[in-house]
């Protein structure tokens, strides 16, 4: 099972991993990405939401998503 699906997310960006007991915080962009991934949405769909919500350029959005996913993989959450 994907560990990402088991993460608990708060509206404030607090993230709890029940498998390890670890917690961390993410910014609003990270929270949007995590929620989108947990909902099994496409990266393109998540990118559009971030662009709309935060008035970000598509190039910035794509880079932010790529960087965030890299961190999730580093911590074995993906």
PDB file of N, CA and C in Angstrom:
ATOM      1  N   UNK A   1       0.848  -1.195   0.000  1.00  0.00           N
ATOM      2  CA  UNK A   1       0.000   0.000   0.000  1.00  0.00           C
ATOM      3  C   UNK A   1       0.884   1.245   0.000  1.00  0.00           C
ATOM      4  N   UNK A   2       0.458   2.249  -0.701  1.00  0.00           N
ATOM      5  CA  UNK A   2       1.156   3.523  -0.781  1.00  0.00           C
ATOM      6  C   UNK A   2       1.056   4.249   0.562  1.00  0.00           C
ATOM      7  N   UNK A   3       2.180   4.570   1.151  1.00  0.00           N
ATOM      8  CA  UNK A   3       2.178   5.263   2.449  1.00  0.00           C
ATOM      9  C   UNK A   3       1.488   6.606   2.370  1.00  0.00           C
ATOM     10  N   UNK A   4       1.540   7.220   1.213  1.00  0.00           N
ATOM     11  CA  UNK A   4       0.939   8.536   1.041  1.00  0.00           C
ATOM     12  C   UNK A   4      -0.545   8.524   1.387  1.00  0.00           C
ATOM     13  N   UNK A   5      -1.224   7.449   1.033  1.00  0.00           N
ATOM     14  CA  UNK A   5      -2.662   7.377   1.282  1.00  0.00           C
ATOM     15  C   UNK A   5      -2.995   7.313   2.763  1.00  0.00           C
ATOM     16  N   UNK A   6      -2.029   6.955   3.588  1.00  0.00           N
ATOM     17  CA  UNK A   6      -2.274   6.834   5.019  1.00  0.00           C
ATOM     18  C   UNK A   6      -1.943   8.097   5.803  1.00  0.00           C
ATOM     19  N   UNK A   7      -1.356   9.076   5.147  1.00  0.00           N
ATOM     20  CA  UNK A   7      -1.011  10.314   5.842  1.00  0.00           C
ATOM     21  C   UNK A   7      -2.267  11.046   6.289  1.00  0.00           C
ATOM     22  N   UNK A   8      -2.192  11.608   7.488  1.00  0.00           N
ATOM     23  CA  UNK A   8      -3.275  12.459   7.985  1.00  0.00           C
ATOM     24  C   UNK A   8      -2.869  13.905   7.729  1.00  0.00           C
ATOM     25  N   UNK A   9      -3.776  14.680   7.125  1.00  0.00           N
ATOM     26  CA  UNK A   9      -3.488  16.061   6.773  1.00  0.00           C
ATOM     27  C   UNK A   9      -4.449  16.998   7.487  1.00  0.00           C
ATOM     28  N   UNK A  10      -3.912  18.081   8.030  1.00  0.00           N
ATOM     29  CA  UNK A  10      -4.781  19.102   8.616  1.00  0.00           C
ATOM     30  C   UNK A  10      -4.858  20.285   7.656  1.00  0.00           C
ATOM     31  N   UNK A  11      -5.858  21.097   7.846  1.00  0.00           N
ATOM     32  CA  UNK A  11      -6.020  22.288   7.002  1.00  0.00           C
ATOM     33  C   UNK A  11      -4.880  23.280   7.173  1.00  0.00           C
ATOM     34  N   UNK A  12      -4.174  23.205   8.273  1.00  0.00           N
ATOM     35  CA  UNK A  12      -3.064  24.118   8.544  1.00  0.00           C
ATOM     36  C   UNK A  12      -1.740  23.631   7.960  1.00  0.00           C
ATOM     37  N   UNK A  13      -1.727  22.438   7.353  1.00  0.00           N
ATOM     38  CA  UNK A  13      -0.509  21.915   6.746  1.00  0.00           C
ATOM     39  C   UNK A  13       0.266  20.959   7.631  1.00  0.00           C
ATOM     40  N   UNK A  14      -0.332  20.551   8.726  1.00  0.00           N
ATOM     41  CA  UNK A  14       0.300  19.569   9.600  1.00  0.00           C
ATOM     42  C   UNK A  14       0.057  18.191   8.997  1.00  0.00           C
ATOM     43  N   UNK A  15       1.125  17.386   8.875  1.00  0.00           N
ATOM     44  CA  UNK A  15       1.040  16.066   8.271  1.00  0.00           C
ATOM     45  C   UNK A  15       1.550  15.043   9.277  1.00  0.00           C
ATOM     46  N   UNK A  16       0.775  13.986   9.471  1.00  0.00           N
ATOM     47  CA  UNK A  16       1.151  12.921  10.403  1.00  0.00           C
ATOM     48  C   UNK A  16       1.201  11.600   9.654  1.00  0.00           C
ATOM     49  N   UNK A  17       2.313  10.883   9.827  1.00  0.00           N
ATOM     50  CA  UNK A  17       2.487   9.557   9.232  1.00  0.00           C
ATOM     51  C   UNK A  17       2.246   8.524  10.325  1.00  0.00           C
ATOM     52  N   UNK A  18       1.092   7.853  10.318  1.00  0.00           N
ATOM     53  CA  UNK A  18       0.779   6.901  11.386  1.00  0.00           C
ATOM     54  C   UNK A  18       1.671   5.660  11.384  1.00  0.00           C
ATOM     55  N   UNK A  19       2.318   5.370  10.273  1.00  0.00           N
ATOM     56  CA  UNK A  19       3.195   4.192  10.231  1.00  0.00           C
ATOM     57  C   UNK A  19       4.480   4.406  11.022  1.00  0.00           C
ATOM     58  N   UNK A  20       4.990   5.627  10.999  1.00  0.00           N
ATOM     59  CA  UNK A  20       6.253   5.906  11.681  1.00  0.00           C
ATOM     60  C   UNK A  20       6.088   6.768  12.928  1.00  0.00           C
ATOM     61  N   UNK A  21       4.944   7.437  13.039  1.00  0.00           N
ATOM     62  CA  UNK A  21       4.736   8.372  14.145  1.00  0.00           C
ATOM     63  C   UNK A  21       5.352   9.729  13.884  1.00  0.00           C
ATOM     64  N   UNK A  22       5.963   9.907  12.719  1.00  0.00           N
ATOM     65  CA  UNK A  22       6.593  11.180  12.391  1.00  0.00           C
ATOM     66  C   UNK A  22       5.549  12.190  11.923  1.00  0.00           C
ATOM     67  N   UNK A  23       5.862  13.445  12.160  1.00  0.00           N
ATOM     68  CA  UNK A  23       4.997  14.512  11.675  1.00  0.00           C
ATOM     69  C   UNK A  23       5.854  15.613  11.079  1.00  0.00           C
ATOM     70  N   UNK A  24       5.265  16.375  10.202  1.00  0.00           N
ATOM     71  CA  UNK A  24       5.944  17.503   9.584  1.00  0.00           C
ATOM     72  C   UNK A  24       4.898  18.471   9.090  1.00  0.00           C
ATOM     73  N   UNK A  25       5.321  19.628   8.672  1.00  0.00           N
ATOM     74  CA  UNK A  25       4.403  20.618   8.136  1.00  0.00           C
ATOM     75  C   UNK A  25       4.776  20.932   6.692  1.00  0.00           C
ATOM     76  N   UNK A  26       3.774  21.327   5.941  1.00  0.00           N
ATOM     77  CA  UNK A  26       3.976  21.735   4.558  1.00  0.00           C
ATOM     78  C   UNK A  26       3.293  23.081   4.347  1.00  0.00           C
ATOM     79  N   UNK A  27       3.766  23.800   3.332  1.00  0.00           N
ATOM     80  CA  UNK A  27       3.143  25.075   3.004  1.00  0.00           C
ATOM     81  C   UNK A  27       1.854  24.817   2.219  1.00  0.00           C
ATOM     82  N   UNK A  28       1.066  25.858   1.920  1.00  0.00           N
ATOM     83  CA  UNK A  28      -0.196  25.642   1.203  1.00  0.00           C
ATOM     84  C   UNK A  28      -0.032  24.938  -0.145  1.00  0.00           C
ATOM     85  N   UNK A  29       1.054  25.207  -0.862  1.00  0.00           N
ATOM     86  CA  UNK A  29       1.282  24.522  -2.137  1.00  0.00           C
ATOM     87  C   UNK A  29       1.515  23.034  -1.895  1.00  0.00           C
ATOM     88  N   UNK A  30       2.341  22.694  -0.921  1.00  0.00           N
ATOM     89  CA  UNK A  30       2.601  21.296  -0.585  1.00  0.00           C
ATOM     90  C   UNK A  30       1.337  20.576  -0.151  1.00  0.00           C
ATOM     91  N   UNK A  31       0.501  21.274   0.607  1.00  0.00           N
ATOM     92  CA  UNK A  31      -0.756  20.674   1.056  1.00  0.00           C
ATOM     93  C   UNK A  31      -1.670  20.383  -0.132  1.00  0.00           C
ATOM     94  N   UNK A  32      -1.724  21.294  -1.084  1.00  0.00           N
ATOM     95  CA  UNK A  32      -2.529  21.081  -2.290  1.00  0.00           C
ATOM     96  C   UNK A  32      -2.010  19.885  -3.077  1.00  0.00           C
ATOM     97  N   UNK A  33      -0.691  19.762  -3.185  1.00  0.00           N
ATOM     98  CA  UNK A  33      -0.103  18.631  -3.896  1.00  0.00           C
ATOM     99  C   UNK A  33      -0.426  17.326  -3.176  1.00  0.00           C
ATOM    100  N   UNK A  34      -0.238  17.283  -1.860  1.00  0.00           N
ATOM    101  CA  UNK A  34      -0.523  16.062  -1.101  1.00  0.00           C
ATOM    102  C   UNK A  34      -1.983  15.655  -1.230  1.00  0.00           C
ATOM    103  N   UNK A  35      -2.881  16.602  -1.097  1.00  0.00           N
ATOM    104  CA  UNK A  35      -4.309  16.272  -1.210  1.00  0.00           C
ATOM    105  C   UNK A  35      -4.634  15.740  -2.601  1.00  0.00           C
ATOM    106  N   UNK A  36      -4.052  16.356  -3.612  1.00  0.00           N
ATOM    107  CA  UNK A  36      -4.283  15.893  -4.976  1.00  0.00           C
ATOM    108  C   UNK A  36      -3.754  14.494  -5.200  1.00  0.00           C
ATOM    109  N   UNK A  37      -2.551  14.219  -4.699  1.00  0.00           N
ATOM    110  CA  UNK A  37      -1.969  12.885  -4.856  1.00  0.00           C
ATOM    111  C   UNK A  37      -2.781  11.837  -4.096  1.00  0.00           C
ATOM    112  N   UNK A  38      -3.223  12.191  -2.883  1.00  0.00           N
ATOM    113  CA  UNK A  38      -4.041  11.248  -2.102  1.00  0.00           C
ATOM    114  C   UNK A  38      -5.351  10.942  -2.810  1.00  0.00           C
ATOM    115  N   UNK A  39      -5.875  11.912  -3.554  1.00  0.00           N
ATOM    116  CA  UNK A  39      -7.130  11.726  -4.283  1.00  0.00           C
ATOM    117  C   UNK A  39      -6.897  11.079  -5.648  1.00  0.00           C
ATOM    118  N   UNK A  40      -5.639  10.714  -5.924  1.00  0.00           N
ATOM    119  CA  UNK A  40      -5.262  10.055  -7.177  1.00  0.00           C
ATOM    120  C   UNK A  40      -5.534  10.930  -8.401  1.00  0.00           C
ATOM    121  N   UNK A  41      -5.343  12.238  -8.231  1.00  0.00           N
ATOM    122  CA  UNK A  41      -5.510  13.168  -9.350  1.00  0.00           C
ATOM    123  C   UNK A  41      -4.228  13.213 -10.166  1.00  0.00           C
ATOM    124  N   UNK A  42      -4.344  13.602 -11.403  1.00  0.00           N
ATOM    125  CA  UNK A  42      -3.174  13.701 -12.278  1.00  0.00           C
ATOM    126  C   UNK A  42      -2.329  14.907 -11.872  1.00  0.00           C
ATOM    127  N   UNK A  43      -1.045  14.843 -12.210  1.00  0.00           N
ATOM    128  CA  UNK A  43      -0.164  15.966 -11.918  1.00  0.00           C
ATOM    129  C   UNK A  43      -0.603  17.220 -12.667  1.00  0.00           C
ATOM    130  N   UNK A  44      -1.133  17.046 -13.867  1.00  0.00           N
ATOM    131  CA  UNK A  44      -1.616  18.186 -14.642  1.00  0.00           C
ATOM    132  C   UNK A  44      -2.788  18.866 -13.940  1.00  0.00           C
ATOM    133  N   UNK A  45      -3.688  18.062 -13.394  1.00  0.00           N
ATOM    134  CA  UNK A  45      -4.838  18.598 -12.677  1.00  0.00           C
ATOM    135  C   UNK A  45      -4.394  19.343 -11.413  1.00  0.00           C
ATOM    136  N   UNK A  46      -3.456  18.762 -10.698  1.00  0.00           N
ATOM    137  CA  UNK A  46      -2.927  19.407  -9.489  1.00  0.00           C
ATOM    138  C   UNK A  46      -2.233  20.714  -9.880  1.00  0.00           C
ATOM    139  N   UNK A  47      -1.477  20.686 -10.964  1.00  0.00           N
ATOM    140  CA  UNK A  47      -0.788  21.886 -11.430  1.00  0.00           C
ATOM    141  C   UNK A  47      -1.749  23.003 -11.784  1.00  0.00           C
ATOM    142  N   UNK A  48      -2.858  22.662 -12.441  1.00  0.00           N
ATOM    143  CA  UNK A  48      -3.858  23.679 -12.786  1.00  0.00           C
ATOM    144  C   UNK A  48      -4.463  24.292 -11.524  1.00  0.00           C
ATOM    145  N   UNK A  49      -4.738  23.440 -10.536  1.00  0.00           N
ATOM    146  CA  UNK A  49      -5.304  23.954  -9.288  1.00  0.00           C
ATOM    147  C   UNK A  49      -4.337  24.916  -8.601  1.00  0.00           C
ATOM    148  N   UNK A  50      -3.066  24.549  -8.563  1.00  0.00           N
ATOM    149  CA  UNK A  50      -2.073  25.421  -7.937  1.00  0.00           C
ATOM    150  C   UNK A  50      -1.952  26.726  -8.706  1.00  0.00           C
ATOM    151  N   UNK A  51      -1.911  26.640 -10.030  1.00  0.00           N
ATOM    152  CA  UNK A  51      -1.818  27.861 -10.849  1.00  0.00           C
ATOM    153  C   UNK A  51      -2.997  28.781 -10.594  1.00  0.00           C
ATOM    154  N   UNK A  52      -4.199  28.211 -10.519  1.00  0.00           N
ATOM    155  CA  UNK A  52      -5.401  29.005 -10.282  1.00  0.00           C
ATOM    156  C   UNK A  52      -5.443  29.564  -8.869  1.00  0.00           C
ATOM    157  N   UNK A  53      -5.157  28.714  -7.904  1.00  0.00           N
ATOM    158  CA  UNK A  53      -5.282  29.096  -6.494  1.00  0.00           C
ATOM    159  C   UNK A  53      -4.229  30.114  -6.071  1.00  0.00           C
ATOM    160  N   UNK A  54      -3.007  29.959  -6.567  1.00  0.00           N
ATOM    161  CA  UNK A  54      -1.911  30.804  -6.112  1.00  0.00           C
ATOM    162  C   UNK A  54      -1.402  31.760  -7.186  1.00  0.00           C
ATOM    163  N   UNK A  55      -2.108  31.816  -8.320  1.00  0.00           N
ATOM    164  CA  UNK A  55      -1.736  32.694  -9.431  1.00  0.00           C
ATOM    165  C   UNK A  55      -0.270  32.501  -9.827  1.00  0.00           C
ATOM    166  N   UNK A  56       0.121  31.246  -9.940  1.00  0.00           N
ATOM    167  CA  UNK A  56       1.502  30.901 -10.297  1.00  0.00           C
ATOM    168  C   UNK A  56       1.587  30.596 -11.786  1.00  0.00           C
ATOM    169  N   UNK A  57       2.737  30.841 -12.348  1.00  0.00           N
ATOM    170  CA  UNK A  57       2.984  30.513 -13.747  1.00  0.00           C
ATOM    171  C   UNK A  57       3.111  28.998 -13.893  1.00  0.00           C
ATOM    172  N   UNK A  58       2.675  28.440 -15.018  1.00  0.00           N
ATOM    173  CA  UNK A  58       2.768  26.981 -15.212  1.00  0.00           C
ATOM    174  C   UNK A  58       4.184  26.434 -15.028  1.00  0.00           C
ATOM    175  N   UNK A  59       5.210  27.183 -15.444  1.00  0.00           N
ATOM    176  CA  UNK A  59       6.589  26.713 -15.285  1.00  0.00           C
ATOM    177  C   UNK A  59       6.961  26.597 -13.808  1.00  0.00           C
ATOM    178  N   UNK A  60       6.517  27.568 -13.019  1.00  0.00           N
ATOM    179  CA  UNK A  60       6.799  27.538 -11.582  1.00  0.00           C
ATOM    180  C   UNK A  60       6.051  26.381 -10.923  1.00  0.00           C
ATOM    181  N   UNK A  61       4.816  26.202 -11.327  1.00  0.00           N
ATOM    182  CA  UNK A  61       3.989  25.142 -10.764  1.00  0.00           C
ATOM    183  C   UNK A  61       4.595  23.774 -11.053  1.00  0.00           C
ATOM    184  N   UNK A  62       5.007  23.564 -12.285  1.00  0.00           N
ATOM    185  CA  UNK A  62       5.608  22.281 -12.661  1.00  0.00           C
ATOM    186  C   UNK A  62       6.872  22.014 -11.853  1.00  0.00           C
ATOM    187  N   UNK A  63       7.696  23.034 -11.677  1.00  0.00           N
ATOM    188  CA  UNK A  63       8.931  22.880 -10.903  1.00  0.00           C
ATOM    189  C   UNK A  63       8.614  22.575  -9.439  1.00  0.00           C
ATOM    190  N   UNK A  64       7.642  23.287  -8.878  1.00  0.00           N
ATOM    191  CA  UNK A  64       7.267  23.048  -7.480  1.00  0.00           C
ATOM    192  C   UNK A  64       6.777  21.620  -7.269  1.00  0.00           C
ATOM    193  N   UNK A  65       5.947  21.133  -8.181  1.00  0.00           N
ATOM    194  CA  UNK A  65       5.418  19.774  -8.059  1.00  0.00           C
ATOM    195  C   UNK A  65       6.545  18.762  -8.180  1.00  0.00           C
ATOM    196  N   UNK A  66       7.422  18.950  -9.153  1.00  0.00           N
ATOM    197  CA  UNK A  66       8.550  18.032  -9.353  1.00  0.00           C
ATOM    198  C   UNK A  66       9.444  17.991  -8.119  1.00  0.00           C
ATOM    199  N   UNK A  67       9.765  19.156  -7.569  1.00  0.00           N
ATOM    200  CA  UNK A  67      10.609  19.225  -6.374  1.00  0.00           C
ATOM    201  C   UNK A  67       9.934  18.547  -5.180  1.00  0.00           C
ATOM    202  N   UNK A  68       8.641  18.806  -5.006  1.00  0.00           N
ATOM    203  CA  UNK A  68       7.922  18.238  -3.869  1.00  0.00           C
ATOM    204  C   UNK A  68       7.849  16.716  -3.979  1.00  0.00           C
ATOM    205  N   UNK A  69       7.582  16.208  -5.164  1.00  0.00           N
ATOM    206  CA  UNK A  69       7.531  14.762  -5.366  1.00  0.00           C
ATOM    207  C   UNK A  69       8.902  14.140  -5.096  1.00  0.00           C
ATOM    208  N   UNK A  70       9.955  14.826  -5.477  1.00  0.00           N
ATOM    209  CA  UNK A  70      11.312  14.339  -5.177  1.00  0.00           C
ATOM    210  C   UNK A  70      11.489  14.180  -3.657  1.00  0.00           C
ATOM    211  N   UNK A  71      11.023  15.152  -2.892  1.00  0.00           N
ATOM    212  CA  UNK A  71      11.130  15.070  -1.429  1.00  0.00           C
ATOM    213  C   UNK A  71      10.280  13.920  -0.885  1.00  0.00           C
ATOM    214  N   UNK A  72       9.091  13.731  -1.433  1.00  0.00           N
ATOM    215  CA  UNK A  72       8.246  12.621  -0.984  1.00  0.00           C
ATOM    216  C   UNK A  72       8.942  11.282  -1.229  1.00  0.00           C
ATOM    217  N   UNK A  73       9.602  11.162  -2.364  1.00  0.00           N
ATOM    218  CA  UNK A  73      10.328   9.920  -2.664  1.00  0.00           C
ATOM    219  C   UNK A  73      11.533   9.760  -1.737  1.00  0.00           C
ATOM    220  N   UNK A  74      12.220  10.846  -1.442  1.00  0.00           N
ATOM    221  CA  UNK A  74      13.367  10.809  -0.547  1.00  0.00           C
ATOM    222  C   UNK A  74      12.961  10.255   0.825  1.00  0.00           C
ATOM    223  N   UNK A  75      11.763  10.633   1.282  1.00  0.00           N
ATOM    224  CA  UNK A  75      11.275  10.172   2.579  1.00  0.00           C
ATOM    225  C   UNK A  75      10.432   8.908   2.468  1.00  0.00           C
ATOM    226  N   UNK A  76      10.470   8.264   1.288  1.00  0.00           N
ATOM    227  CA  UNK A  76       9.779   6.988   1.045  1.00  0.00           C
ATOM    228  C   UNK A  76       8.276   7.067   1.255  1.00  0.00           C
ATOM    229  N   UNK A  77       7.715   8.222   0.946  1.00  0.00           N
ATOM    230  CA  UNK A  77       6.270   8.374   1.035  1.00  0.00           C
ATOM    231  C   UNK A  77       5.588   8.074  -0.297  1.00  0.00           C
ATOM    232  N   UNK A  78       6.379   8.012  -1.345  1.00  0.00           N
ATOM    233  CA  UNK A  78       5.882   7.636  -2.687  1.00  0.00           C
ATOM    234  C   UNK A  78       6.673   6.464  -3.198  1.00  0.00           C
TER     235      UNK A  78
END
